[in-house]
Amino acid sequence: MTIFIFISIILFASILQTSTGFGFSIMATPFLLMIFNPMEAIQINLVLSLVISSALIAKIRKDVDTDLLKKLIIGSLSGLPIGIILFISADITKLKTGIGIVLLLLTLLLVLNLRIKRTKRGDFVVGGLSGTLTTGIGMPGPPLLLYFAGTAMQKETLRATTLAFYLFIYSVSLLIQVLFVGTNKGIWTSIGMALPLVFAGLYLGQLLFRHISQKTFRIFTYGILLFTGVYLLIK
């Protein structure tokens, strides 16, 4: 049963990440916590997310907003150390509950057609929050989703820029995790088992992306946030 759950989590989250530019860490991490301890779940997520981002970015790098990418990376540098401190010292259950509440509140605002004006400062702040969440719980996506879902950014630019950012944030976060909390053989065995599923998800997700309209893309965004917020709150 545990193997079936693991397969389902990885395959579905890979399809979602590939077709929307978001989703793997947001979907996978909460469910991986059902069958792994926090360190294992986060490190499995970081490595697999890095594999997905690396595999996809070559084909879509022309759509990356390089100016925005630089701001996100610079902003994330302040959040990365905060996240690992929270992970080491904080109660992970309370941390997840707090994030779940924030996700639900902000999702409601987005459904009510809230429009967030992109600013230079906002780009840095979102990058910082993503850095904190990546080293803290392995989930950089929520701040980016909330920030960009309220703007009129095209889905191609959104997907490419976030994937490029993930290449940086996942690599650095994985290094920080390994250095400060260690790793184990079981994590890398699970990663090896998951890789074929990830590549299957890459293929299926690319097919799905071609058929997703801007409206559908927005609905996916809200759905991911709502589902994750509720799950984190009740778990």
Protein backbone atom coordinates (compact mmCIF):
# COMPACT_ATOMS: atom_id res chain seq x y z
CA MET A 1 0.00 0.00 0.00
CA THR A 2 2.86 2.37 0.86
CA ILE A 3 4.49 1.69 -2.53
CA PHE A 4 1.19 2.40 -4.34
CA ILE A 5 0.80 5.69 -2.48
CA PHE A 6 4.39 6.63 -3.30
CA ILE A 7 3.93 5.85 -7.01
CA SER A 8 0.67 7.82 -7.17
CA ILE A 9 2.17 10.86 -5.43
CA ILE A 10 5.25 11.06 -7.65
CA LEU A 11 3.45 10.44 -10.96
CA PHE A 12 0.60 12.88 -10.34
CA ALA A 13 2.84 15.60 -8.93
CA SER A 14 5.24 15.25 -11.89
CA ILE A 15 2.40 15.68 -14.38
CA LEU A 16 1.14 18.71 -12.49
CA GLN A 17 4.59 20.33 -12.28
CA THR A 18 5.28 19.79 -15.98
CA SER A 19 1.92 21.04 -17.21
CA THR A 20 1.59 24.08 -14.95
CA GLY A 21 5.12 25.04 -13.87
CA PHE A 22 4.04 24.55 -10.26
CA GLY A 23 2.76 21.68 -8.28
CA PHE A 24 5.37 19.02 -7.59
CA SER A 25 6.55 20.25 -4.21
CA ILE A 26 3.13 21.63 -3.29
CA MET A 27 1.41 18.33 -4.03
CA ALA A 28 4.18 15.89 -3.19
CA THR A 29 5.59 17.19 0.09
CA PRO A 30 2.40 17.02 2.22
CA PHE A 31 1.71 13.46 1.03
CA LEU A 32 5.30 12.30 1.27
CA LEU A 33 5.09 13.29 4.93
CA MET A 34 2.53 10.48 5.27
CA ILE A 35 5.18 7.84 4.60
CA PHE A 36 8.50 9.55 5.41
CA ASN A 37 9.85 11.69 8.21
CA PRO A 38 10.20 15.44 7.45
CA MET A 39 13.91 15.30 6.51
CA GLU A 40 13.38 12.41 4.11
CA ALA A 41 10.23 13.86 2.53
CA ILE A 42 11.83 17.25 1.94
CA GLN A 43 15.06 15.89 0.48
CA ILE A 44 13.25 13.47 -1.84
CA ASN A 45 11.10 16.37 -3.01
CA LEU A 46 14.09 18.67 -3.54
CA VAL A 47 16.03 16.18 -5.67
CA LEU A 48 13.07 15.15 -7.82
CA SER A 49 11.97 18.75 -8.29
CA LEU A 50 15.50 19.61 -9.37
CA VAL A 51 15.45 16.78 -11.91
CA ILE A 52 12.17 18.03 -13.37
CA SER A 53 13.34 21.63 -13.59
CA SER A 54 16.60 20.58 -15.25
CA ALA A 55 14.81 18.41 -17.80
CA LEU A 56 12.30 21.11 -18.78
CA ILE A 57 14.26 24.35 -18.76
CA ALA A 58 16.28 23.70 -21.94
CA LYS A 59 13.18 23.71 -24.12
CA ILE A 60 11.54 26.76 -22.59
CA ARG A 61 14.44 28.98 -21.54
CA LYS A 62 13.54 31.52 -24.25
CA ASP A 63 10.39 32.36 -22.27
CA VAL A 64 12.28 33.19 -19.04
CA ASP A 65 11.93 36.73 -17.72
CA THR A 66 15.61 37.20 -16.80
CA ASP A 67 15.11 40.46 -14.94
CA LEU A 68 12.47 38.92 -12.70
CA LEU A 69 14.59 35.79 -12.26
CA LYS A 70 17.53 37.83 -10.94
CA LYS A 71 15.31 39.59 -8.41
CA LEU A 72 13.83 36.32 -7.17
CA ILE A 73 17.28 34.77 -6.74
CA ILE A 74 18.66 37.79 -4.88
CA GLY A 75 15.58 37.91 -2.67
CA SER A 76 15.80 34.19 -1.88
CA LEU A 77 19.29 34.55 -0.39
CA SER A 78 17.83 36.20 2.70
CA GLY A 79 15.18 33.52 3.14
CA LEU A 80 17.29 30.38 2.76
CA PRO A 81 19.04 30.58 6.19
CA ILE A 82 15.78 31.51 7.90
CA GLY A 83 14.11 28.41 6.49
CA ILE A 84 16.74 25.97 7.72
CA ILE A 85 16.67 27.56 11.18
CA LEU A 86 12.89 27.10 11.27
CA PHE A 87 13.21 23.51 10.11
CA ILE A 88 15.75 22.65 12.79
CA SER A 89 14.11 24.48 15.69
CA ALA A 90 10.39 24.84 14.99
CA ASP A 91 7.52 22.43 15.52
CA ILE A 92 6.89 21.20 11.96
CA THR A 93 3.19 20.54 12.70
CA LYS A 94 2.55 24.13 13.80
CA LEU A 95 4.55 25.42 10.85
CA LYS A 96 2.43 23.43 8.39
CA THR A 97 -0.78 24.57 10.06
CA GLY A 98 0.26 28.22 9.82
CA ILE A 99 1.10 27.88 6.14
CA GLY A 100 -2.20 26.10 5.51
CA ILE A 101 -4.15 29.00 7.03
CA VAL A 102 -2.25 31.56 4.97
CA LEU A 103 -2.81 29.58 1.77
CA LEU A 104 -6.55 29.33 2.37
CA LEU A 105 -6.93 33.04 3.15
CA LEU A 106 -4.93 34.18 0.14
CA THR A 107 -6.65 31.67 -2.16
CA LEU A 108 -9.96 33.20 -1.14
CA LEU A 109 -8.66 36.66 -2.05
CA LEU A 110 -7.53 35.41 -5.46
CA VAL A 111 -10.89 33.74 -6.14
CA LEU A 112 -12.48 37.08 -5.30
CA ASN A 113 -10.40 38.51 -8.18
CA LEU A 114 -7.71 40.20 -6.14
CA ARG A 115 -5.06 41.68 -8.41
CA ILE A 116 -1.56 42.06 -7.00
CA LYS A 117 0.48 44.78 -8.63
CA ARG A 118 3.97 43.57 -9.41
CA THR A 119 6.64 45.79 -7.97
CA LYS A 120 10.42 45.60 -7.70
CA ARG A 121 10.16 45.27 -3.95
CA GLY A 122 7.47 42.62 -4.30
CA ASP A 123 9.72 40.51 -6.53
CA PHE A 124 12.44 40.50 -3.87
CA VAL A 125 10.00 39.77 -1.04
CA VAL A 126 8.45 36.82 -2.89
CA GLY A 127 11.91 35.46 -3.61
CA GLY A 128 12.75 35.69 0.09
CA LEU A 129 9.57 33.91 1.14
CA SER A 130 10.20 31.16 -1.40
CA GLY A 131 13.72 30.70 -0.08
CA THR A 132 12.42 30.37 3.47
CA LEU A 133 9.78 27.81 2.51
CA THR A 134 12.20 25.76 0.40
CA THR A 135 14.75 25.09 3.13
CA GLY A 136 11.99 25.07 5.76
CA ILE A 137 9.50 22.60 4.27
CA GLY A 138 10.65 22.05 0.68
CA MET A 139 7.85 24.12 -0.88
CA PRO A 140 8.94 27.28 -2.76
CA GLY A 141 5.80 27.41 -4.87
CA PRO A 142 3.05 29.03 -2.72
CA PRO A 143 4.45 32.60 -2.63
CA LEU A 144 5.16 32.50 -6.37
CA LEU A 145 1.76 31.06 -7.15
CA LEU A 146 -0.04 33.68 -5.10
CA TYR A 147 2.04 36.55 -6.44
CA PHE A 148 1.86 35.65 -10.11
CA ALA A 149 -1.70 34.29 -10.14
CA GLY A 150 -2.89 37.80 -9.29
CA THR A 151 -1.08 39.27 -12.28
CA ALA A 152 -1.72 38.97 -16.00
CA MET A 153 1.55 37.16 -16.73
CA GLN A 154 1.28 34.64 -19.55
CA LYS A 155 1.44 30.98 -18.56
CA GLU A 156 4.50 30.35 -20.78
CA THR A 157 6.52 33.11 -19.07
CA LEU A 158 5.26 32.06 -15.66
CA ARG A 159 6.22 28.43 -16.14
CA ALA A 160 9.66 29.15 -17.62
CA THR A 161 10.67 31.77 -15.04
CA THR A 162 9.60 29.71 -12.06
CA LEU A 163 11.38 26.63 -13.39
CA ALA A 164 14.58 28.62 -13.88
CA PHE A 165 14.26 29.93 -10.33
CA TYR A 166 13.68 26.41 -9.04
CA LEU A 167 16.97 25.26 -10.56
CA PHE A 168 18.75 27.66 -8.23
CA ILE A 169 16.57 27.40 -5.15
CA TYR A 170 16.34 23.61 -5.10
CA SER A 171 20.09 23.14 -5.64
CA VAL A 172 21.07 25.51 -2.84
CA SER A 173 18.34 24.25 -0.50
CA LEU A 174 19.40 20.63 -0.99
CA LEU A 175 23.00 21.53 -0.18
CA ILE A 176 21.92 23.40 2.95
CA GLN A 177 19.69 20.51 4.06
CA VAL A 178 22.44 17.93 3.64
CA LEU A 179 25.03 20.09 5.40
CA PHE A 180 22.86 21.00 8.39
CA VAL A 181 20.60 17.97 8.96
CA GLY A 182 22.36 15.19 7.02
CA THR A 183 20.91 12.55 4.70
CA ASN A 184 20.62 8.74 4.51
CA LYS A 185 20.69 5.82 2.10
CA GLY A 186 16.91 5.35 2.22
CA ILE A 187 16.35 8.80 0.75
CA TRP A 188 18.49 8.08 -2.30
CA THR A 189 16.99 4.61 -2.77
CA SER A 190 13.52 6.17 -2.87
CA ILE A 191 14.75 8.80 -5.33
CA GLY A 192 16.09 6.06 -7.62
CA MET A 193 12.70 4.30 -7.53
CA ALA A 194 10.90 7.55 -8.32
CA LEU A 195 12.95 8.69 -11.32
CA PRO A 196 11.15 6.52 -13.95
CA LEU A 197 7.83 7.87 -12.65
CA VAL A 198 9.11 11.43 -12.93
CA PHE A 199 10.10 10.95 -16.56
CA ALA A 200 6.71 9.41 -17.33
CA GLY A 201 5.10 12.43 -15.70
CA LEU A 202 7.28 14.78 -17.78
CA TYR A 203 5.97 13.24 -20.98
CA LEU A 204 2.32 13.22 -19.95
CA GLY A 205 2.54 16.74 -18.51
CA GLN A 206 3.95 18.17 -21.74
CA LEU A 207 1.02 16.72 -23.67
CA LEU A 208 -1.42 18.21 -21.17
CA PHE A 209 0.22 21.66 -21.25
CA ARG A 210 -0.60 22.07 -24.95
CA HIS A 211 -4.29 21.76 -24.19
CA ILE A 212 -4.54 24.01 -21.13
CA SER A 213 -6.11 27.43 -21.73
CA GLN A 214 -5.26 30.51 -19.66
CA LYS A 215 -8.58 30.15 -17.82
CA THR A 216 -8.00 26.48 -17.06
CA PHE A 217 -4.47 27.30 -15.94
CA ARG A 218 -5.87 29.82 -13.44
CA ILE A 219 -8.40 27.28 -12.12
CA PHE A 220 -5.58 24.76 -11.64
CA THR A 221 -3.68 27.38 -9.67
CA TYR A 222 -6.57 28.07 -7.31
CA GLY A 223 -7.32 24.36 -6.95
CA ILE A 224 -3.74 23.52 -6.00
CA LEU A 225 -3.65 26.25 -3.37
CA LEU A 226 -7.03 25.33 -1.89
CA PHE A 227 -6.28 21.63 -1.73
CA THR A 228 -2.86 22.12 -0.20
CA GLY A 229 -4.12 24.65 2.34
CA VAL A 230 -6.88 22.32 3.55
CA TYR A 231 -4.54 19.34 3.69
CA LEU A 232 -1.89 21.17 5.69
CA LEU A 233 -4.55 22.44 8.06
CA ILE A 234 -6.18 19.09 8.86
CA LYS A 235 -3.07 16.88 8.68
